C-alpha atoms as a PDB file:
ATOM      1  CA  MET A   1     -76.798 -67.004 103.047  1.00  0.00           C
ATOM      2  CA  GLY A   2     -75.114 -64.369 100.950  1.00  0.00           C
ATOM      3  CA  GLU A   3     -74.130 -64.552  97.251  1.00  0.00           C
ATOM      4  CA  ILE A   4     -70.719 -64.096  95.656  1.00  0.00           C
ATOM      5  CA  THR A   5     -70.050 -63.448  92.017  1.00  0.00           C
ATOM      6  CA  ILE A   6     -67.457 -65.515  90.251  1.00  0.00           C
ATOM      7  CA  GLN A   7     -65.992 -64.723  86.874  1.00  0.00           C
ATOM      8  CA  CYS A   8     -64.453 -67.402  84.851  1.00  0.00           C
ATOM      9  CA  SER A   9     -63.864 -68.135  81.148  1.00  0.00           C
ATOM     10  CA  LYS A  10     -66.987 -70.413  80.881  1.00  0.00           C
ATOM     11  CA  CYS A  11     -69.526 -68.552  82.949  1.00  0.00           C
ATOM     12  CA  TYR A  12     -69.744 -64.895  83.686  1.00  0.00           C
ATOM     13  CA  ASN A  13     -71.597 -63.316  86.685  1.00  0.00           C
ATOM     14  CA  GLN A  14     -72.951 -66.557  87.991  1.00  0.00           C
ATOM     15  CA  ARG A  15     -74.054 -66.258  91.571  1.00  0.00           C
ATOM     16  CA  ILE A  16     -73.101 -68.987  93.975  1.00  0.00           C
ATOM     17  CA  PRO A  17     -74.480 -68.982  97.491  1.00  0.00           C
ATOM     18  CA  GLY A  18     -72.036 -68.824 100.362  1.00  0.00           C
ATOM     19  CA  ILE A  19     -71.541 -67.912 103.940  1.00  0.00           C
ATOM     20  CA  PRO A  20     -71.032 -64.172 104.231  1.00  0.00           C
ATOM     21  CA  GLY A  21     -67.692 -63.201 105.492  1.00  0.00           C
ATOM     22  CA  ASP A  22     -66.669 -60.442 107.955  1.00  0.00           C
ATOM     23  CA  ILE A  23     -66.121 -57.099 106.506  1.00  0.00           C
ATOM     24  CA  LYS A  24     -62.815 -55.615 107.640  1.00  0.00           C
ATOM     25  CA  ASN A  25     -61.560 -52.031 106.873  1.00  0.00           C
ATOM     26  CA  CYS A  26     -58.229 -52.577 105.007  1.00  0.00           C
ATOM     27  CA  SER A  27     -55.996 -49.604 105.476  1.00  0.00           C
ATOM     28  CA  SER A  28     -53.206 -48.809 103.015  1.00  0.00           C
ATOM     29  CA  PRO A  29     -49.726 -50.017 103.924  1.00  0.00           C
ATOM     30  CA  PRO A  30     -47.436 -47.447 105.572  1.00  0.00           C
ATOM     31  CA  LYS A  31     -45.084 -45.468 103.437  1.00  0.00           C
ATOM     32  CA  SER A  32     -41.621 -44.266 104.084  1.00  0.00           C
ATOM     33  CA  ALA A  33     -39.109 -42.988 101.487  1.00  0.00           C
ATOM     34  CA  PHE A  34     -36.517 -40.364 100.922  1.00  0.00           C
ATOM     35  CA  ALA A  35     -33.887 -39.237  98.487  1.00  0.00           C
ATOM     36  CA  VAL A  36     -31.442 -36.462  99.158  1.00  0.00           C
ATOM     37  CA  LYS A  37     -28.418 -34.870  97.530  1.00  0.00           C
ATOM     38  CA  VAL A  38     -25.528 -32.522  98.063  1.00  0.00           C
ATOM     39  CA  SER A  39     -22.565 -31.148  96.107  1.00  0.00           C
ATOM     40  CA  ASP A  40     -20.041 -30.339  98.669  1.00  0.00           C
ATOM     41  CA  LEU A  41     -16.896 -31.424 100.628  1.00  0.00           C
ATOM     42  CA  LEU A  42     -17.534 -34.163 103.113  1.00  0.00           C
ATOM     43  CA  PRO A  43     -17.612 -33.037 106.754  1.00  0.00           C
ATOM     44  CA  ALA A  44     -14.947 -33.983 109.500  1.00  0.00           C
ATOM     45  CA  PRO A  45     -14.646 -37.572 110.425  1.00  0.00           C
ATOM     46  CA  SER A  46     -17.467 -39.159 112.429  1.00  0.00           C
ATOM     47  CA  GLN A  47     -19.979 -36.627 111.440  1.00  0.00           C
ATOM     48  CA  PRO A  48     -23.191 -37.250 109.476  1.00  0.00           C
ATOM     49  CA  ILE A  49     -23.223 -35.847 105.926  1.00  0.00           C
ATOM     50  CA  VAL A  50     -25.740 -33.044 105.882  1.00  0.00           C
ATOM     51  CA  PHE A  51     -27.698 -32.906 102.629  1.00  0.00           C
ATOM     52  CA  LYS A  52     -28.804 -29.667 101.068  1.00  0.00           C
ATOM     53  CA  GLU A  53     -31.565 -30.782  98.765  1.00  0.00           C
ATOM     54  CA  ALA A  54     -34.447 -33.220  99.148  1.00  0.00           C
ATOM     55  CA  LEU A  55     -35.302 -34.945  95.942  1.00  0.00           C
ATOM     56  CA  HIS A  56     -38.162 -36.870  97.703  1.00  0.00           C
ATOM     57  CA  LYS A  57     -39.218 -36.879 101.354  1.00  0.00           C
ATOM     58  CA  ASP A  58     -42.338 -38.896 102.149  1.00  0.00           C
ATOM     59  CA  GLN A  59     -43.632 -38.381 105.678  1.00  0.00           C
ATOM     60  CA  ASP A  60     -40.687 -36.086 106.665  1.00  0.00           C
ATOM     61  CA  ARG A  61     -38.747 -38.907 108.376  1.00  0.00           C
ATOM     62  CA  PHE A  62     -35.461 -37.734 106.971  1.00  0.00           C
ATOM     63  CA  ASN A  63     -34.003 -34.585 108.678  1.00  0.00           C
ATOM     64  CA  LEU A  64     -32.126 -32.314 106.157  1.00  0.00           C
ATOM     65  CA  THR A  65     -30.543 -30.301 108.996  1.00  0.00           C
ATOM     66  CA  THR A  66     -28.982 -33.297 110.766  1.00  0.00           C
ATOM     67  CA  GLY A  67     -28.674 -35.716 107.768  1.00  0.00           C
ATOM     68  CA  VAL A  68     -30.393 -38.501 109.785  1.00  0.00           C
ATOM     69  CA  PHE A  69     -33.312 -40.670 108.877  1.00  0.00           C
ATOM     70  CA  THR A  70     -35.410 -41.808 112.022  1.00  0.00           C
ATOM     71  CA  CYS A  71     -37.596 -44.852 111.743  1.00  0.00           C
ATOM     72  CA  THR A  72     -41.275 -44.451 112.669  1.00  0.00           C
ATOM     73  CA  VAL A  73     -42.509 -47.525 110.720  1.00  0.00           C
ATOM     74  CA  PRO A  74     -40.701 -50.689 111.946  1.00  0.00           C
ATOM     75  CA  GLY A  75     -39.770 -52.968 109.161  1.00  0.00           C
ATOM     76  CA  VAL A  76     -37.318 -53.908 106.471  1.00  0.00           C
ATOM     77  CA  TYR A  77     -35.721 -50.984 104.475  1.00  0.00           C
ATOM     78  CA  HIS A  78     -33.449 -50.562 101.509  1.00  0.00           C
ATOM     79  CA  PHE A  79     -30.806 -47.881 101.901  1.00  0.00           C
ATOM     80  CA  GLY A  80     -28.290 -46.810  99.182  1.00  0.00           C
ATOM     81  CA  PHE A  81     -25.898 -44.089  98.134  1.00  0.00           C
ATOM     82  CA  ASP A  82     -24.188 -42.985  95.037  1.00  0.00           C
ATOM     83  CA  ILE A  83     -21.120 -40.735  95.103  1.00  0.00           C
ATOM     84  CA  GLU A  84     -19.364 -39.025  92.198  1.00  0.00           C
ATOM     85  CA  LEU A  85     -15.718 -37.948  92.730  1.00  0.00           C
ATOM     86  CA  PHE A  86     -13.333 -35.717  90.822  1.00  0.00           C
ATOM     87  CA  GLN A  87      -9.886 -35.006  92.147  1.00  0.00           C
ATOM     88  CA  HIS A  88     -11.115 -36.114  95.619  1.00  0.00           C
ATOM     89  CA  ALA A  89     -10.636 -38.822  98.160  1.00  0.00           C
ATOM     90  CA  MET A  90     -13.402 -40.227 100.280  1.00  0.00           C
ATOM     91  CA  LYS A  91     -14.174 -42.796 102.928  1.00  0.00           C
ATOM     92  CA  LEU A  92     -17.648 -43.063 104.358  1.00  0.00           C
ATOM     93  CA  GLY A  93     -19.808 -45.382 106.422  1.00  0.00           C
ATOM     94  CA  LEU A  94     -23.471 -46.130 106.437  1.00  0.00           C
ATOM     95  CA  MET A  95     -24.511 -45.974 110.058  1.00  0.00           C
ATOM     96  CA  LYS A  96     -27.440 -47.672 111.924  1.00  0.00           C
ATOM     97  CA  SER A  97     -27.903 -46.134 115.343  1.00  0.00           C
ATOM     98  CA  GLY A  98     -24.114 -45.651 115.863  1.00  0.00           C
ATOM     99  CA  THR A  99     -22.991 -48.906 114.350  1.00  0.00           C
ATOM    100  CA  GLN A 100     -21.336 -49.035 110.974  1.00  0.00           C
ATOM    101  CA  VAL A 101     -22.987 -51.498 108.592  1.00  0.00           C
ATOM    102  CA  LEU A 102     -21.312 -50.649 105.424  1.00  0.00           C
ATOM    103  CA  GLU A 103     -18.061 -48.826 104.394  1.00  0.00           C
ATOM    104  CA  LYS A 104     -16.779 -47.567 100.978  1.00  0.00           C
ATOM    105  CA  GLU A 105     -13.493 -45.811 100.243  1.00  0.00           C
ATOM    106  CA  ALA A 106     -12.350 -44.321  96.914  1.00  0.00           C
ATOM    107  CA  GLN A 107      -9.932 -41.867  95.390  1.00  0.00           C
ATOM    108  CA  ALA A 108     -10.074 -40.073  92.018  1.00  0.00           C
ATOM    109  CA  LYS A 109      -6.887 -38.171  90.998  1.00  0.00           C
ATOM    110  CA  ASP A 110      -7.454 -36.827  87.494  1.00  0.00           C
ATOM    111  CA  ASN A 111     -10.656 -38.477  86.562  1.00  0.00           C
ATOM    112  CA  TYR A 112     -14.119 -39.045  87.705  1.00  0.00           C
ATOM    113  CA  ARG A 113     -14.915 -42.079  89.871  1.00  0.00           C
ATOM    114  CA  HIS A 114     -18.313 -43.441  90.885  1.00  0.00           C
ATOM    115  CA  VAL A 115     -18.897 -45.254  94.171  1.00  0.00           C
ATOM    116  CA  SER A 116     -22.169 -46.793  95.308  1.00  0.00           C
ATOM    117  CA  GLY A 117     -23.406 -48.887  98.105  1.00  0.00           C
ATOM    118  CA  ASN A 118     -26.677 -50.622  99.148  1.00  0.00           C
ATOM    119  CA  VAL A 119     -27.950 -52.519 102.206  1.00  0.00           C
ATOM    120  CA  ILE A 120     -31.116 -54.048 103.480  1.00  0.00           C
ATOM    121  CA  LEU A 121     -31.784 -53.320 107.098  1.00  0.00           C
ATOM    122  CA  GLN A 122     -34.312 -54.444 109.671  1.00  0.00           C
ATOM    123  CA  LEU A 123     -35.349 -51.394 111.625  1.00  0.00           C
ATOM    124  CA  THR A 124     -37.350 -50.841 114.787  1.00  0.00           C
ATOM    125  CA  MET A 125     -39.056 -47.680 116.034  1.00  0.00           C
ATOM    126  CA  GLY A 126     -36.507 -44.937 116.643  1.00  0.00           C
ATOM    127  CA  ASP A 127     -33.628 -46.482 114.843  1.00  0.00           C
ATOM    128  CA  ARG A 128     -31.501 -43.869 113.038  1.00  0.00           C
ATOM    129  CA  VAL A 129     -29.666 -44.252 109.799  1.00  0.00           C
ATOM    130  CA  TRP A 130     -27.208 -41.757 108.156  1.00  0.00           C
ATOM    131  CA  LEU A 131     -23.898 -41.551 106.104  1.00  0.00           C
ATOM    132  CA  GLU A 132     -20.875 -40.273 107.859  1.00  0.00           C
ATOM    133  CA  SER A 133     -17.436 -39.237 106.629  1.00  0.00           C
ATOM    134  CA  LYS A 134     -14.598 -41.469 107.864  1.00  0.00           C
ATOM    135  CA  LEU A 135     -11.645 -39.606 106.200  1.00  0.00           C
ATOM    136  CA  ASP A 136      -9.486 -36.943 107.761  1.00  0.00           C
ATOM    137  CA  THR A 137     -10.602 -33.557 106.359  1.00  0.00           C
ATOM    138  CA  ALA A 138      -7.091 -32.538 105.197  1.00  0.00           C
ATOM    139  CA  GLU A 139      -7.171 -35.547 102.820  1.00  0.00           C
ATOM    140  CA  SER A 140     -10.330 -34.379 101.196  1.00  0.00           C
ATOM    141  CA  GLU A 141     -10.247 -30.613 101.045  1.00  0.00           C
ATOM    142  CA  LYS A 142     -10.020 -30.367  97.274  1.00  0.00           C
ATOM    143  CA  GLY A 143     -11.838 -31.409  94.186  1.00  0.00           C
ATOM    144  CA  LEU A 144     -15.539 -32.091  93.788  1.00  0.00           C
ATOM    145  CA  ILE A 145     -17.969 -34.610  95.205  1.00  0.00           C
ATOM    146  CA  GLU A 146     -21.703 -35.080  94.590  1.00  0.00           C
ATOM    147  CA  SER A 147     -23.521 -37.409  96.989  1.00  0.00           C
ATOM    148  CA  MET A 148     -26.939 -38.903  96.899  1.00  0.00           C
ATOM    149  CA  PHE A 149     -28.538 -40.988  99.736  1.00  0.00           C
ATOM    150  CA  PHE A 150     -31.906 -42.717  99.585  1.00  0.00           C
ATOM    151  CA  GLY A 151     -33.926 -45.144 101.472  1.00  0.00           C
ATOM    152  CA  TYR A 152     -37.439 -46.671 101.408  1.00  0.00           C
ATOM    153  CA  LEU A 153     -39.537 -49.196 103.329  1.00  0.00           C
ATOM    154  CA  LEU A 154     -39.786 -52.572 101.568  1.00  0.00           C
ATOM    155  CA  TYR A 155     -42.344 -53.961 104.022  1.00  0.00           C
ATOM    156  CA  GLY A 156     -43.534 -53.057 107.566  1.00  0.00           C
ATOM    157  CA  ASN A 157     -43.639 -55.510 110.486  1.00  0.00           C
ATOM    158  CA  TYR A 158     -47.394 -55.883 110.988  1.00  0.00           C
ATOM    159  CA  THR A 159     -48.912 -57.138 114.240  1.00  0.00           C
ATOM    160  CA  GLY A 160     -52.544 -58.470 114.298  1.00  0.00           C
END
């Protein structure tokens, strides 16, 4: 029989005999997170927004060139975006593998306007998530816009 040590308020380091347990190697949980931003006009409709700056990229799962996050760790994720507008109109969708899961629309004429959105998504291996413009380019060619997009794994789907 092995011994274990129990600490409590009345007795410290008291050894109590017990059955030894199996020793298992516990690996750290998988990580997946990104935060990106861009200060630029939105692209043509139905095109992913391409971000110019990575504020945080863990495991390189977000592609700055395409503006797309690709899931390599199945699980539940939180995605969100923050948009700051000035003299600008915008309409965008948060997309999961070609299906729109959230849409936001706003217009700021002579003032600043803040728009944000958040969603919790169940992803499987290979699922892709991105933000895309939904507004005709002619409607959004003036003014300023700053966009931030972020996502992170809340918990993975573990097997075994």
